[in-house]
Amino acid sequence: MLSSDHPNAKLLERIYSPTMAGDGPALLDTAITEPFVAHTAGHAPIGGTFVGLAAFKGHVALLRRLSGGTLRRVSIEYYADDNWAVVPQHMSASRNGQQLDMTVAGFWRFSGPGQLAEHWEAAPDEAAWDAFWHMPAE
């Protein structure tokens, strides 16, 4: 059963909520097992499947770049067990005068204790998600 007290939930909380020392990204680097696979919702430039830690980091960098640095994610909770985790989040960003404001979820699969093997990003309104990220840059 998924629990917010599971060690994998605590790991994701530390990854998503980096301290001023920046330990979140460092924890991600050590927790990912290759070949790591990330699946992103939609058909916009940010959508698709990304294989490997470097590709996943590139995807995150593209989100930041396309949003002009306005992307904000606020995690609502962290639930996990030995194999799976879900992290519901509120995501906002602005781009070309348009606003993105939706609750999304990240689903994670573990290959072993504290070892991230796969990730899925889910958006509840894929058409709105795609429309926001498809907009041409100003």
C-alpha atoms as a PDB file:
ATOM      1  CA  MET A   1       0.000   0.000   0.000  1.00  0.00           C
ATOM      2  CA  LEU A   2       1.298   3.466  -0.869  1.00  0.00           C
ATOM      3  CA  SER A   3       2.239   5.505   2.181  1.00  0.00           C
ATOM      4  CA  SER A   4       3.602   8.978   2.798  1.00  0.00           C
ATOM      5  CA  ASP A   5       5.859   7.469   5.499  1.00  0.00           C
ATOM      6  CA  HIS A   6       7.628   4.957   3.207  1.00  0.00           C
ATOM      7  CA  PRO A   7      11.396   5.549   2.703  1.00  0.00           C
ATOM      8  CA  ASN A   8      10.838   5.896  -1.063  1.00  0.00           C
ATOM      9  CA  ALA A   9       8.305   8.683  -0.395  1.00  0.00           C
ATOM     10  CA  LYS A  10      10.850  10.424   1.811  1.00  0.00           C
ATOM     11  CA  LEU A  11      13.487  10.054  -0.933  1.00  0.00           C
ATOM     12  CA  LEU A  12      11.209  11.706  -3.508  1.00  0.00           C
ATOM     13  CA  GLU A  13      10.373  14.458  -1.055  1.00  0.00           C
ATOM     14  CA  ARG A  14      14.087  15.216  -0.705  1.00  0.00           C
ATOM     15  CA  ILE A  15      14.562  15.109  -4.502  1.00  0.00           C
ATOM     16  CA  TYR A  16      11.594  17.381  -5.270  1.00  0.00           C
ATOM     17  CA  SER A  17      12.320  19.784  -2.402  1.00  0.00           C
ATOM     18  CA  PRO A  18      16.026  20.590  -2.644  1.00  0.00           C
ATOM     19  CA  THR A  19      17.554  22.490   0.192  1.00  0.00           C
ATOM     20  CA  MET A  20      19.634  25.602  -0.217  1.00  0.00           C
ATOM     21  CA  ALA A  21      22.618  23.266  -0.454  1.00  0.00           C
ATOM     22  CA  GLY A  22      21.135  21.811  -3.665  1.00  0.00           C
ATOM     23  CA  ASP A  23      20.985  18.199  -2.493  1.00  0.00           C
ATOM     24  CA  GLY A  24      17.792  17.422  -4.473  1.00  0.00           C
ATOM     25  CA  PRO A  25      19.453  17.171  -7.906  1.00  0.00           C
ATOM     26  CA  ALA A  26      22.425  15.319  -6.393  1.00  0.00           C
ATOM     27  CA  LEU A  27      20.065  12.759  -4.854  1.00  0.00           C
ATOM     28  CA  LEU A  28      18.386  12.316  -8.236  1.00  0.00           C
ATOM     29  CA  ASP A  29      21.769  11.550  -9.791  1.00  0.00           C
ATOM     30  CA  THR A  30      22.471   8.818  -7.236  1.00  0.00           C
ATOM     31  CA  ALA A  31      18.945   7.367  -7.127  1.00  0.00           C
ATOM     32  CA  ILE A  32      18.459   6.805 -10.865  1.00  0.00           C
ATOM     33  CA  THR A  33      19.388   3.431 -12.294  1.00  0.00           C
ATOM     34  CA  GLU A  34      20.208   3.170 -15.976  1.00  0.00           C
ATOM     35  CA  PRO A  35      18.647   2.713 -18.363  1.00  0.00           C
ATOM     36  CA  PHE A  36      16.219   5.163 -16.768  1.00  0.00           C
ATOM     37  CA  VAL A  37      13.124   5.915 -18.884  1.00  0.00           C
ATOM     38  CA  ALA A  38      10.864   8.971 -18.539  1.00  0.00           C
ATOM     39  CA  HIS A  39       7.521   9.265 -20.337  1.00  0.00           C
ATOM     40  CA  THR A  40       6.030  12.737 -20.730  1.00  0.00           C
ATOM     41  CA  ALA A  41       2.410  13.526 -21.574  1.00  0.00           C
ATOM     42  CA  GLY A  42       1.351  15.051 -24.837  1.00  0.00           C
ATOM     43  CA  HIS A  43       2.648  15.660 -28.317  1.00  0.00           C
ATOM     44  CA  ALA A  44       4.180  19.091 -27.783  1.00  0.00           C
ATOM     45  CA  PRO A  45       7.972  19.592 -27.990  1.00  0.00           C
ATOM     46  CA  ILE A  46       8.259  18.469 -24.356  1.00  0.00           C
ATOM     47  CA  GLY A  47       6.275  15.242 -24.872  1.00  0.00           C
ATOM     48  CA  GLY A  48       7.645  11.803 -25.545  1.00  0.00           C
ATOM     49  CA  THR A  49       9.984   9.230 -24.072  1.00  0.00           C
ATOM     50  CA  PHE A  50      13.415  10.133 -22.754  1.00  0.00           C
ATOM     51  CA  VAL A  51      15.970   7.395 -22.106  1.00  0.00           C
ATOM     52  CA  GLY A  52      18.778   7.971 -19.630  1.00  0.00           C
ATOM     53  CA  LEU A  53      19.465  10.480 -16.896  1.00  0.00           C
ATOM     54  CA  ALA A  54      21.013  12.982 -19.325  1.00  0.00           C
ATOM     55  CA  ALA A  55      17.909  12.899 -21.554  1.00  0.00           C
ATOM     56  CA  PHE A  56      15.629  13.363 -18.527  1.00  0.00           C
ATOM     57  CA  LYS A  57      17.685  16.335 -17.332  1.00  0.00           C
ATOM     58  CA  GLY A  58      17.498  17.749 -20.876  1.00  0.00           C
ATOM     59  CA  HIS A  59      13.713  17.426 -20.772  1.00  0.00           C
ATOM     60  CA  VAL A  60      13.538  19.317 -17.460  1.00  0.00           C
ATOM     61  CA  ALA A  61      15.848  22.005 -18.864  1.00  0.00           C
ATOM     62  CA  LEU A  62      13.594  22.348 -21.931  1.00  0.00           C
ATOM     63  CA  LEU A  63      10.552  22.874 -19.669  1.00  0.00           C
ATOM     64  CA  ARG A  64      12.407  25.658 -17.895  1.00  0.00           C
ATOM     65  CA  ARG A  65      13.657  27.231 -21.128  1.00  0.00           C
ATOM     66  CA  LEU A  66      10.283  27.153 -22.914  1.00  0.00           C
ATOM     67  CA  SER A  67       8.613  28.727 -19.878  1.00  0.00           C
ATOM     68  CA  GLY A  68      11.268  31.436 -19.696  1.00  0.00           C
ATOM     69  CA  GLY A  69      12.101  30.319 -16.181  1.00  0.00           C
ATOM     70  CA  THR A  70       8.509  30.804 -14.931  1.00  0.00           C
ATOM     71  CA  LEU A  71       7.797  27.100 -14.380  1.00  0.00           C
ATOM     72  CA  ARG A  72       6.767  26.392 -10.780  1.00  0.00           C
ATOM     73  CA  ARG A  73       5.928  23.009  -9.286  1.00  0.00           C
ATOM     74  CA  VAL A  74       4.513  22.681  -5.806  1.00  0.00           C
ATOM     75  CA  SER A  75       4.284  19.094  -4.612  1.00  0.00           C
ATOM     76  CA  ILE A  76       1.098  18.274  -2.733  1.00  0.00           C
ATOM     77  CA  GLU A  77       2.155  14.960  -1.179  1.00  0.00           C
ATOM     78  CA  TYR A  78       4.495  11.995  -1.687  1.00  0.00           C
ATOM     79  CA  TYR A  79       3.145   8.425  -1.644  1.00  0.00           C
ATOM     80  CA  ALA A  80       5.242   5.314  -2.215  1.00  0.00           C
ATOM     81  CA  ASP A  81       5.769   1.640  -1.508  1.00  0.00           C
ATOM     82  CA  ASP A  82       8.647  -0.680  -2.447  1.00  0.00           C
ATOM     83  CA  ASN A  83       7.831  -0.543  -6.179  1.00  0.00           C
ATOM     84  CA  TRP A  84       5.764   2.544  -6.997  1.00  0.00           C
ATOM     85  CA  ALA A  85       5.305   6.192  -6.072  1.00  0.00           C
ATOM     86  CA  VAL A  86       2.998   9.044  -7.013  1.00  0.00           C
ATOM     87  CA  VAL A  87       3.662  12.748  -6.482  1.00  0.00           C
ATOM     88  CA  PRO A  88       0.679  15.012  -7.208  1.00  0.00           C
ATOM     89  CA  GLN A  89       1.772  18.583  -7.932  1.00  0.00           C
ATOM     90  CA  HIS A  90       0.382  21.961  -8.810  1.00  0.00           C
ATOM     91  CA  MET A  91       2.196  23.296 -11.891  1.00  0.00           C
ATOM     92  CA  SER A  92       2.133  26.841 -13.184  1.00  0.00           C
ATOM     93  CA  ALA A  93       4.029  28.678 -15.899  1.00  0.00           C
ATOM     94  CA  SER A  94       3.586  31.557 -18.304  1.00  0.00           C
ATOM     95  CA  ARG A  95       4.494  31.645 -21.944  1.00  0.00           C
ATOM     96  CA  ASN A  96       3.676  34.134 -24.687  1.00  0.00           C
ATOM     97  CA  GLY A  97       1.058  35.830 -22.521  1.00  0.00           C
ATOM     98  CA  GLN A  98      -0.684  32.543 -21.727  1.00  0.00           C
ATOM     99  CA  GLN A  99      -0.879  30.834 -18.347  1.00  0.00           C
ATOM    100  CA  LEU A 100      -0.576  27.160 -17.447  1.00  0.00           C
ATOM    101  CA  ASP A 101      -2.238  26.363 -14.139  1.00  0.00           C
ATOM    102  CA  MET A 102      -3.055  22.709 -13.458  1.00  0.00           C
ATOM    103  CA  THR A 103      -2.640  19.842 -11.084  1.00  0.00           C
ATOM    104  CA  VAL A 104      -0.429  17.127 -12.570  1.00  0.00           C
ATOM    105  CA  ALA A 105       1.116  13.927 -11.242  1.00  0.00           C
ATOM    106  CA  GLY A 106       4.454  12.184 -11.458  1.00  0.00           C
ATOM    107  CA  PHE A 107       4.430   8.403 -11.229  1.00  0.00           C
ATOM    108  CA  TRP A 108       7.657   6.575 -10.411  1.00  0.00           C
ATOM    109  CA  ARG A 109       8.740   2.925 -10.583  1.00  0.00           C
ATOM    110  CA  PHE A 110      11.560   1.638  -8.385  1.00  0.00           C
ATOM    111  CA  SER A 111      13.906  -1.177  -9.413  1.00  0.00           C
ATOM    112  CA  GLY A 112      15.103  -1.659  -5.822  1.00  0.00           C
ATOM    113  CA  PRO A 113      15.240   0.246  -2.551  1.00  0.00           C
ATOM    114  CA  GLY A 114      15.721   3.918  -3.406  1.00  0.00           C
ATOM    115  CA  GLN A 115      16.505   3.141  -7.059  1.00  0.00           C
ATOM    116  CA  LEU A 116      14.396   5.000  -9.638  1.00  0.00           C
ATOM    117  CA  ALA A 117      13.913   3.087 -12.888  1.00  0.00           C
ATOM    118  CA  GLU A 118      11.034   4.810 -14.680  1.00  0.00           C
ATOM    119  CA  HIS A 119       8.906   7.955 -14.535  1.00  0.00           C
ATOM    120  CA  TRP A 120       5.600   9.049 -16.081  1.00  0.00           C
ATOM    121  CA  GLU A 121       4.346  12.644 -16.148  1.00  0.00           C
ATOM    122  CA  ALA A 122       0.560  12.877 -16.338  1.00  0.00           C
ATOM    123  CA  ALA A 123      -1.523  15.939 -17.207  1.00  0.00           C
ATOM    124  CA  PRO A 124      -5.313  15.763 -16.702  1.00  0.00           C
ATOM    125  CA  ASP A 125      -6.082  17.959 -19.740  1.00  0.00           C
ATOM    126  CA  GLU A 126      -3.670  16.861 -22.433  1.00  0.00           C
ATOM    127  CA  ALA A 127      -5.170  19.222 -25.035  1.00  0.00           C
ATOM    128  CA  ALA A 128      -4.554  22.279 -22.802  1.00  0.00           C
ATOM    129  CA  TRP A 129      -1.098  20.933 -21.910  1.00  0.00           C
ATOM    130  CA  ASP A 130      -0.159  20.515 -25.581  1.00  0.00           C
ATOM    131  CA  ALA A 131      -1.627  23.901 -26.553  1.00  0.00           C
ATOM    132  CA  PHE A 132       0.472  25.676 -23.929  1.00  0.00           C
ATOM    133  CA  TRP A 133       3.767  24.000 -24.886  1.00  0.00           C
ATOM    134  CA  HIS A 134       3.110  24.140 -28.668  1.00  0.00           C
ATOM    135  CA  MET A 135       2.787  27.924 -28.749  1.00  0.00           C
ATOM    136  CA  PRO A 136       5.546  29.525 -30.812  1.00  0.00           C
ATOM    137  CA  ALA A 137       8.086  31.561 -28.925  1.00  0.00           C
ATOM    138  CA  GLU A 138       7.729  35.322 -29.058  1.00  0.00           C
END
